[in-house]
Amino acid sequence: MKRWVAGAAMALAGWMSSSASAQDDLPYVVGGGALYEFPDSDRDSDDGFGGQLSFQIPLASQTNGGIEFDVYGLQRDRKAGGSDKQVGLFASYVHHFGLFGWEQSEGLESYLPSFIPYVLGGVGLVYDDVLNDDHYAPALTTGAGIGFPLSRSGLSLRTEVRLIGSFPDDAVADKSFLLDTQLRVGLWYPLGRGAAVEEPQTAAPLEADCGLAVVDPVTGRKDCSVDSDRDGVPDTLDLCPGTPEGTPVDANGCPAAPAEVVDTDGDGVADDSDACPTTPAGATVDEKGCVVGGKVVLDNVRFAKSSAELTPEAKTLLDQAAVGLNGQRDLVVEVAGHTDGTGRSDYNLMLSLLRAENVRKYLVDKGVSRYRLFVEGYGVTRPVASNDTEEGRAKNRRVDLDELDVKVIEKQ
């Protein structure tokens, strides 16, 4: 059994490391705090006290999942005198169930905070110093807890109950399994809003030189082929030399047949004139088809009441937005989350931020650099429709992409 647990620990830790290394574009989470332990009765020890540190890496394939690496240390006084020490190192999968809260109320519920419940399970290694005698044992862990958001920056209070099951060789005589219970409290904080790095600019190509050493009788320009009707086709090749100026012509200098207008990104600028042919759907563009200052309206990126989960319709629209954002790498946007007017304002503020974070994670998973996406939650402060009707409230539960007046931000 012990060899199986040790092998599972090594395999799971290796898988977690390889999975995590592919998620460089997602924010990490660090945390730390204190713990109180109720040891297995066979240890013949009093309750223990200690501290712990954790480092969590979100998984792109699971919006609510992450890998957490955790280390803790504690000390117990022995009932017969002396003390024991223990250090544990674990790798666990953590799954949280989203943000929960209460509707606006005048009773007790109005004072209750929003919260994020979660569960975890993993494998690891435990070191015991029993009366200055060293012991190492493979171990399993499982637990559950609740996170309480404290600020818009993502800082959260974390409370947790965790079970540690270890398989010692001889730390306790005649015992091959020990089960300890820990109560933990600490703080979480997300990392990952990196510094801006300006993307290098590519020099524009030079115009090609003219091929024939003659003088144009119309423009007087030297070293250019003669083009009497100025349609771009030299007289020597022009089968229709009197074409009115400004008329589109074909390679022979004759009026071109009307071509079908193709506008792939639907921004109102035909592809043959579009300098930015993959602008995000809903964006305001200039005459060249490139995004100008304004808002990218994502009409279908909406959410169910009190939910931050993306709907299939929202994912389809975000797929199109990702193509556009990847096509304009100098475009930097704010991912702005919003809610309807029901519920408590602090709950709505955190819910809007979580909605924006989920949209950002989805776009990052589609190849958009996180250094071009800045999240913000506005709660109920920016409605686009009346909150007096269900239809209006549905429109207000949304996420917008707002262009920022910032130079290109890109990870080199």
Protein backbone atom coordinates (compact mmCIF):
# COMPACT_ATOMS: atom_id res chain seq x y z
CA MET A 1 0.00 0.00 0.00
CA LYS A 2 2.80 2.42 0.92
CA ARG A 3 4.66 1.76 -2.34
CA TRP A 4 1.44 2.34 -4.30
CA VAL A 5 0.81 5.69 -2.56
CA ALA A 6 4.41 6.80 -3.11
CA GLY A 7 4.23 5.86 -6.79
CA ALA A 8 0.90 7.65 -7.19
CA ALA A 9 2.36 10.75 -5.57
CA MET A 10 5.29 10.82 -8.01
CA ALA A 11 3.07 10.21 -11.05
CA LEU A 12 0.47 12.81 -10.07
CA ALA A 13 3.10 15.42 -9.23
CA GLY A 14 4.75 14.85 -12.63
CA TRP A 15 1.43 15.14 -14.45
CA MET A 16 0.54 18.30 -12.54
CA SER A 17 3.89 19.89 -13.37
CA SER A 18 3.57 19.13 -17.09
CA SER A 19 -0.03 20.37 -17.17
CA ALA A 20 0.81 23.55 -15.31
CA SER A 21 3.78 24.41 -17.52
CA ALA A 22 1.43 24.82 -20.48
CA GLN A 23 -0.63 27.48 -18.69
CA ASP A 24 1.90 30.35 -18.63
CA ASP A 25 -0.74 32.87 -19.72
CA LEU A 26 -2.99 32.34 -16.66
CA PRO A 27 -2.64 34.11 -13.30
CA TYR A 28 -1.18 32.20 -10.35
CA VAL A 29 -2.51 32.38 -6.78
CA VAL A 30 -0.36 32.46 -3.65
CA GLY A 31 -1.50 32.06 -0.07
CA GLY A 32 -0.47 31.41 3.49
CA GLY A 33 -1.82 31.24 7.00
CA ALA A 34 -2.01 29.41 10.33
CA LEU A 35 -3.24 25.93 11.22
CA TYR A 36 -4.45 24.05 14.31
CA GLU A 37 -4.18 20.26 14.32
CA PHE A 38 -6.05 17.48 16.10
CA PRO A 39 -3.56 14.59 15.86
CA ASP A 40 -4.41 10.91 15.61
CA SER A 41 -5.00 9.57 19.13
CA ASP A 42 -2.28 6.95 18.61
CA ARG A 43 0.36 9.69 18.45
CA ASP A 44 -0.01 10.28 22.22
CA SER A 45 0.42 14.03 21.61
CA ASP A 46 -1.43 17.24 22.40
CA ASP A 47 -2.97 19.38 19.66
CA GLY A 48 -0.49 20.98 17.27
CA PHE A 49 0.06 24.53 16.01
CA GLY A 50 1.79 25.66 12.82
CA GLY A 51 1.66 27.51 9.52
CA GLN A 52 1.36 26.78 5.81
CA LEU A 53 2.12 28.26 2.38
CA SER A 54 0.44 27.43 -0.93
CA PHE A 55 0.93 28.12 -4.63
CA GLN A 56 -1.97 27.47 -7.04
CA ILE A 57 -1.96 27.29 -10.84
CA PRO A 58 -5.39 27.53 -12.61
CA LEU A 59 -6.14 25.01 -15.37
CA ALA A 60 -7.19 26.55 -18.70
CA SER A 61 -9.40 23.55 -19.49
CA GLN A 62 -11.41 24.03 -16.27
CA THR A 63 -12.46 27.56 -15.32
CA ASN A 64 -13.06 26.48 -11.70
CA GLY A 65 -10.13 24.06 -11.31
CA GLY A 66 -6.51 24.45 -10.27
CA ILE A 67 -3.38 22.66 -9.10
CA GLU A 68 -2.13 23.61 -5.64
CA PHE A 69 1.30 22.93 -4.17
CA ASP A 70 1.19 23.16 -0.37
CA VAL A 71 3.80 22.99 2.39
CA TYR A 72 3.12 23.16 6.13
CA GLY A 73 5.00 22.82 9.39
CA LEU A 74 3.74 22.27 12.95
CA GLN A 75 4.79 21.28 16.46
CA ARG A 76 3.05 19.12 19.08
CA ASP A 77 3.82 18.65 22.78
CA ARG A 78 3.94 15.00 23.84
CA LYS A 79 1.81 13.99 26.81
CA ALA A 80 4.77 12.12 28.31
CA GLY A 81 7.14 15.06 27.85
CA GLY A 82 9.11 16.48 24.94
CA SER A 83 7.74 17.56 21.57
CA ASP A 84 7.27 16.32 18.00
CA LYS A 85 7.59 18.26 14.76
CA GLN A 86 6.01 17.58 11.38
CA VAL A 87 6.49 18.98 7.86
CA GLY A 88 4.23 18.06 4.94
CA LEU A 89 4.49 18.69 1.19
CA PHE A 90 1.42 18.06 -1.01
CA ALA A 91 0.22 18.46 -4.59
CA SER A 92 -3.59 18.67 -4.84
CA TYR A 93 -6.38 19.34 -7.29
CA VAL A 94 -8.65 22.16 -6.03
CA HIS A 95 -12.14 22.74 -7.44
CA HIS A 96 -14.27 25.71 -6.42
CA PHE A 97 -18.00 26.03 -7.11
CA GLY A 98 -18.30 29.71 -8.03
CA LEU A 99 -19.39 32.80 -6.13
CA PHE A 100 -22.44 32.57 -3.86
CA GLY A 101 -24.33 35.27 -1.97
CA TRP A 102 -27.75 36.53 -0.94
CA GLU A 103 -30.32 38.79 -2.56
CA GLN A 104 -30.93 42.23 -1.05
CA SER A 105 -32.68 41.85 2.31
CA GLU A 106 -33.46 43.95 5.35
CA GLY A 107 -32.93 41.03 7.74
CA LEU A 108 -29.89 39.04 8.86
CA GLU A 109 -29.02 38.02 5.29
CA SER A 110 -28.07 41.62 4.43
CA TYR A 111 -25.02 41.27 6.72
CA LEU A 112 -23.80 37.94 5.34
CA PRO A 113 -20.77 38.04 2.99
CA SER A 114 -20.37 36.48 -0.45
CA PHE A 115 -18.37 33.25 -0.47
CA ILE A 116 -16.71 30.65 -2.71
CA PRO A 117 -16.90 27.00 -1.49
CA TYR A 118 -14.29 24.51 -2.70
CA VAL A 119 -13.01 20.95 -2.25
CA LEU A 120 -9.58 19.40 -2.79
CA GLY A 121 -7.70 16.12 -2.88
CA GLY A 122 -4.08 15.17 -3.43
CA VAL A 123 -0.96 13.23 -2.51
CA GLY A 124 2.28 14.10 -0.79
CA LEU A 125 5.04 13.31 1.67
CA VAL A 126 5.13 13.79 5.47
CA TYR A 127 8.26 14.15 7.60
CA ASP A 128 7.97 13.48 11.36
CA ASP A 129 10.58 14.35 13.99
CA VAL A 130 9.55 12.15 16.93
CA LEU A 131 11.80 12.78 19.93
CA ASN A 132 14.65 13.72 17.53
CA ASP A 133 14.13 10.55 15.46
CA ASP A 134 13.44 11.15 11.72
CA HIS A 135 10.58 9.41 9.88
CA TYR A 136 9.28 9.85 6.29
CA ALA A 137 5.91 8.60 5.03
CA PRO A 138 3.78 8.92 1.87
CA ALA A 139 0.40 10.51 2.50
CA LEU A 140 -3.01 11.38 1.07
CA THR A 141 -5.03 14.51 1.75
CA THR A 142 -8.60 15.68 1.23
CA GLY A 143 -10.52 18.66 2.46
CA ALA A 144 -13.09 21.38 1.95
CA GLY A 145 -13.24 25.06 2.63
CA ILE A 146 -14.77 28.45 1.95
CA GLY A 147 -13.15 31.57 0.49
CA PHE A 148 -14.47 35.04 1.32
CA PRO A 149 -13.59 37.82 -1.21
CA LEU A 150 -12.19 40.86 0.61
CA SER A 151 -11.36 43.30 -2.21
CA ARG A 152 -11.68 43.93 -5.95
CA SER A 153 -7.98 43.06 -6.36
CA GLY A 154 -8.81 39.40 -5.66
CA LEU A 155 -7.58 39.21 -2.05
CA SER A 156 -9.63 36.56 -0.20
CA LEU A 157 -9.88 35.04 3.27
CA ARG A 158 -9.59 31.24 3.17
CA THR A 159 -10.94 28.86 5.83
CA GLU A 160 -10.45 25.12 5.49
CA VAL A 161 -10.79 21.70 7.13
CA ARG A 162 -8.23 19.17 5.90
CA LEU A 163 -7.56 15.49 6.62
CA ILE A 164 -3.99 14.13 6.38
CA GLY A 165 -3.70 10.35 6.12
CA SER A 166 -0.10 9.09 6.34
CA PHE A 167 1.45 5.60 6.10
CA PRO A 168 4.41 5.66 8.51
CA ASP A 169 6.97 2.87 8.82
CA ASP A 170 7.65 3.15 12.54
CA ALA A 171 6.81 6.70 13.70
CA VAL A 172 4.20 5.11 15.98
CA ALA A 173 4.71 1.54 17.10
CA ASP A 174 2.45 -1.06 15.46
CA LYS A 175 0.56 1.60 13.44
CA SER A 176 0.63 1.62 9.63
CA PHE A 177 -1.91 4.43 9.12
CA LEU A 178 -2.45 7.71 10.99
CA LEU A 179 -5.23 10.24 10.35
CA ASP A 180 -4.74 13.85 11.49
CA THR A 181 -7.27 16.69 11.18
CA GLN A 182 -6.24 20.29 10.50
CA LEU A 183 -8.18 23.55 10.73
CA ARG A 184 -6.64 26.25 8.55
CA VAL A 185 -7.19 29.98 8.06
CA GLY A 186 -5.22 32.28 5.75
CA LEU A 187 -5.22 34.67 2.80
CA TRP A 188 -5.23 34.11 -1.00
CA TYR A 189 -3.94 36.61 -3.54
CA PRO A 190 -3.85 36.25 -7.38
CA LEU A 191 -0.72 37.17 -9.31
CA GLY A 192 -0.12 37.65 -13.04
CA ARG A 193 -0.90 41.19 -14.25
CA GLY A 194 2.47 41.54 -15.93
CA ALA A 195 4.43 44.62 -16.95
CA ALA A 196 3.89 46.21 -20.34
CA VAL A 197 6.50 45.59 -23.04
CA GLU A 198 6.30 47.54 -26.27
CA GLU A 199 6.15 45.40 -29.39
CA PRO A 200 8.82 46.24 -32.03
CA GLN A 201 7.55 48.05 -35.09
CA THR A 202 8.22 46.79 -38.61
CA ALA A 203 9.50 49.35 -41.10
CA ALA A 204 7.26 50.08 -44.11
CA PRO A 205 8.53 48.76 -47.47
CA LEU A 206 9.97 51.25 -49.95
CA GLU A 207 8.13 52.02 -53.18
CA ALA A 208 9.44 50.24 -56.23
CA ASP A 209 11.35 52.31 -58.79
CA CYS A 210 9.82 53.03 -62.16
CA GLY A 211 11.04 50.80 -64.98
CA LEU A 212 11.33 53.01 -68.14
CA ALA A 213 13.40 56.19 -68.61
CA VAL A 214 10.74 58.40 -70.27
CA VAL A 215 8.82 61.61 -69.48
CA ASP A 216 5.09 61.34 -68.74
CA PRO A 217 3.35 63.98 -70.96
CA VAL A 218 0.52 64.44 -68.41
CA THR A 219 2.33 64.58 -65.07
CA GLY A 220 5.80 65.54 -66.27
CA ARG A 221 7.31 62.86 -64.05
CA LYS A 222 10.54 61.32 -65.28
CA ASP A 223 11.64 57.68 -65.15
CA CYS A 224 8.05 56.38 -65.32
CA SER A 225 6.14 54.56 -68.03
CA VAL A 226 3.71 56.84 -69.88
CA ASP A 227 0.13 56.50 -68.56
CA SER A 228 -2.03 59.06 -70.40
CA ASP A 229 -5.30 58.24 -68.63
CA ARG A 230 -3.58 57.69 -65.26
CA ASP A 231 -5.33 54.40 -64.58
CA GLY A 232 -2.16 52.62 -63.47
CA VAL A 233 -1.66 50.72 -66.75
CA PRO A 234 1.13 52.04 -69.10
CA ASP A 235 -0.01 53.18 -72.54
CA THR A 236 2.05 50.39 -74.11
CA LEU A 237 -0.19 47.83 -72.36
CA ASP A 238 -3.45 49.80 -72.16
CA LEU A 239 -6.19 48.42 -74.43
CA CYS A 240 -8.57 51.21 -73.29
CA PRO A 241 -6.32 54.35 -73.17
CA GLY A 242 -9.14 56.86 -72.65
CA THR A 243 -10.60 55.46 -69.42
CA PRO A 244 -12.09 58.26 -67.24
CA GLU A 245 -9.88 59.07 -64.26
CA GLY A 246 -10.79 57.15 -61.12
CA THR A 247 -12.48 54.29 -62.95
CA PRO A 248 -11.44 50.85 -61.63
CA VAL A 249 -9.69 48.95 -64.42
CA ASP A 250 -8.40 45.43 -65.03
CA ALA A 251 -4.88 44.42 -66.06
CA ASN A 252 -5.58 45.57 -69.65
CA GLY A 253 -6.62 49.09 -68.58
CA CYS A 254 -10.30 48.54 -69.35
CA PRO A 255 -13.18 49.14 -66.89
CA ALA A 256 -13.31 46.21 -64.47
CA ALA A 257 -16.48 44.22 -64.04
CA PRO A 258 -18.16 44.91 -60.69
CA ALA A 259 -16.81 42.45 -58.15
CA GLU A 260 -18.78 40.87 -55.36
CA VAL A 261 -18.20 42.82 -52.15
CA VAL A 262 -16.65 40.54 -49.51
CA ASP A 263 -16.59 41.72 -45.90
CA THR A 264 -15.37 38.78 -43.82
CA ASP A 265 -15.42 40.51 -40.42
CA GLY A 266 -18.69 42.36 -41.08
CA ASP A 267 -17.33 45.79 -40.14
CA GLY A 268 -18.66 47.58 -43.24
CA VAL A 269 -15.28 47.80 -45.01
CA ALA A 270 -14.75 45.40 -47.93
CA ASP A 271 -11.88 42.95 -47.57
CA ASP A 272 -9.93 44.44 -50.50
CA SER A 273 -9.87 47.81 -48.67
CA ASP A 274 -9.70 46.45 -45.12
CA ALA A 275 -6.31 46.95 -43.44
CA CYS A 276 -7.58 44.99 -40.41
CA PRO A 277 -9.72 42.17 -41.87
CA THR A 278 -10.26 40.36 -38.56
CA THR A 279 -11.61 43.06 -36.23
CA PRO A 280 -13.73 41.76 -33.32
CA ALA A 281 -17.47 41.60 -33.93
CA GLY A 282 -19.24 44.77 -32.79
CA ALA A 283 -16.14 46.99 -32.84
CA THR A 284 -16.18 50.59 -34.13
CA VAL A 285 -13.76 50.93 -37.07
CA ASP A 286 -12.24 53.72 -39.19
CA GLU A 287 -12.23 53.98 -42.99
CA LYS A 288 -9.42 51.41 -43.14
CA GLY A 289 -11.42 48.87 -41.15
CA CYS A 290 -9.28 49.11 -37.99
CA VAL A 291 -10.64 49.53 -34.48
CA VAL A 292 -10.87 53.09 -33.19
CA GLY A 293 -11.47 54.23 -29.63
CA GLY A 294 -14.70 52.82 -28.34
CA LYS A 295 -16.46 49.74 -27.08
CA VAL A 296 -16.66 46.26 -28.58
CA VAL A 297 -20.27 45.33 -27.88
CA LEU A 298 -20.67 41.61 -27.17
CA ASP A 299 -24.43 41.29 -27.46
CA ASN A 300 -24.63 37.60 -26.55
CA VAL A 301 -21.99 37.38 -23.79
CA ARG A 302 -24.65 37.33 -21.13
CA PHE A 303 -25.16 35.31 -17.98
CA ALA A 304 -27.89 33.66 -15.98
CA LYS A 305 -28.95 35.39 -12.78
CA SER A 306 -26.26 35.15 -10.03
CA SER A 307 -23.99 33.13 -12.36
CA ALA A 308 -20.56 33.71 -13.91
CA GLU A 309 -20.54 30.57 -16.10
CA LEU A 310 -20.25 31.15 -19.87
CA THR A 311 -23.16 29.93 -21.99
CA PRO A 312 -22.61 28.09 -25.31
CA GLU A 313 -23.84 31.21 -27.15
CA ALA A 314 -21.31 33.36 -25.26
CA LYS A 315 -18.46 30.97 -26.12
CA THR A 316 -19.38 31.11 -29.81
CA LEU A 317 -19.22 34.92 -29.81
CA LEU A 318 -15.96 34.90 -27.82
CA ASP A 319 -14.44 32.54 -30.40
CA GLN A 320 -15.11 35.24 -33.04
CA ALA A 321 -13.76 37.97 -30.75
CA ALA A 322 -10.57 35.94 -30.17
CA VAL A 323 -9.96 35.70 -33.92
CA GLY A 324 -10.32 39.47 -34.19
CA LEU A 325 -8.06 40.20 -31.22
CA ASN A 326 -5.41 37.82 -32.54
CA GLY A 327 -5.61 39.61 -35.90
CA GLN A 328 -4.95 43.05 -34.34
CA ARG A 329 -2.08 42.49 -31.93
CA ASP A 330 -1.77 46.20 -31.09
CA LEU A 331 -5.30 46.27 -29.64
CA VAL A 332 -5.44 46.41 -25.83
CA VAL A 333 -8.85 46.06 -24.16
CA GLU A 334 -10.50 46.19 -20.77
CA VAL A 335 -12.72 43.18 -20.08
CA ALA A 336 -15.56 44.86 -18.18
CA GLY A 337 -18.06 42.79 -16.20
CA HIS A 338 -21.57 44.00 -15.30
CA THR A 339 -24.66 42.79 -13.40
CA ASP A 340 -28.33 43.68 -13.21
CA GLY A 341 -29.77 45.83 -10.44
CA THR A 342 -30.98 43.04 -8.14
CA GLY A 343 -29.04 41.93 -5.06
CA ARG A 344 -26.52 43.57 -2.76
CA SER A 345 -24.03 45.99 -4.30
CA ASP A 346 -20.92 44.29 -2.84
CA TYR A 347 -22.09 40.89 -4.09
CA ASN A 348 -22.80 42.32 -7.56
CA LEU A 349 -19.36 43.96 -7.65
CA MET A 350 -17.57 40.67 -6.97
CA LEU A 351 -19.88 38.78 -9.38
CA SER A 352 -19.13 41.25 -12.19
CA LEU A 353 -15.39 40.86 -11.59
CA LEU A 354 -15.70 37.06 -11.67
CA ARG A 355 -17.63 37.26 -14.96
CA ALA A 356 -14.88 39.41 -16.47
CA GLU A 357 -12.19 36.99 -15.20
CA ASN A 358 -13.98 34.03 -16.81
CA VAL A 359 -14.17 35.85 -20.16
CA ARG A 360 -10.49 36.75 -19.89
CA LYS A 361 -9.51 33.14 -19.14
CA TYR A 362 -11.54 31.91 -22.12
CA LEU A 363 -9.89 34.41 -24.51
CA VAL A 364 -6.43 33.52 -23.17
CA ASP A 365 -7.20 29.86 -23.82
CA LYS A 366 -7.99 30.85 -27.41
CA GLY A 367 -4.54 32.38 -27.89
CA VAL A 368 -5.05 36.02 -26.88
CA SER A 369 -2.18 37.28 -24.72
CA ARG A 370 -3.31 38.07 -21.18
CA TYR A 371 -1.03 41.14 -21.28
CA ARG A 372 -3.58 42.73 -23.68
CA LEU A 373 -6.60 41.99 -21.45
CA PHE A 374 -7.26 43.96 -18.25
CA VAL A 375 -10.24 42.89 -16.14
CA GLU A 376 -12.56 45.17 -14.16
CA GLY A 377 -15.91 44.68 -12.47
CA TYR A 378 -18.49 47.50 -12.40
CA GLY A 379 -21.39 45.77 -10.70
CA VAL A 380 -24.67 47.64 -11.29
CA THR A 381 -23.11 51.03 -12.08
CA ARG A 382 -23.26 50.87 -15.91
CA PRO A 383 -26.60 49.46 -17.09
CA VAL A 384 -27.47 49.46 -20.80
CA ALA A 385 -31.16 48.79 -20.23
CA SER A 386 -33.82 49.27 -17.58
CA ASN A 387 -33.59 47.04 -14.51
CA ASP A 388 -37.39 47.25 -14.11
CA THR A 389 -38.03 44.43 -16.62
CA GLU A 390 -36.62 40.91 -16.95
CA GLU A 391 -35.58 41.66 -20.54
CA GLY A 392 -33.63 44.72 -19.42
CA ARG A 393 -31.99 42.89 -16.52
CA ALA A 394 -30.88 40.11 -18.90
CA LYS A 395 -29.15 42.70 -21.11
CA ASN A 396 -27.36 44.18 -18.10
CA ARG A 397 -25.87 40.80 -17.06
CA ARG A 398 -23.02 41.05 -19.55
CA VAL A 399 -19.33 41.57 -20.32
CA ASP A 400 -18.01 44.27 -22.69
CA LEU A 401 -14.59 44.75 -24.27
CA ASP A 402 -13.50 48.41 -24.05
CA GLU A 403 -10.49 49.55 -26.09
CA LEU A 404 -7.75 51.13 -23.96
CA ASP A 405 -5.58 54.01 -25.18
CA VAL A 406 -2.37 52.08 -24.52
CA LYS A 407 0.58 51.18 -26.75
CA VAL A 408 0.95 47.54 -27.73
CA ILE A 409 1.42 45.34 -24.70
CA GLU A 410 2.92 41.99 -25.52
CA LYS A 411 5.04 39.33 -23.84
CA GLN A 412 8.32 38.93 -25.74
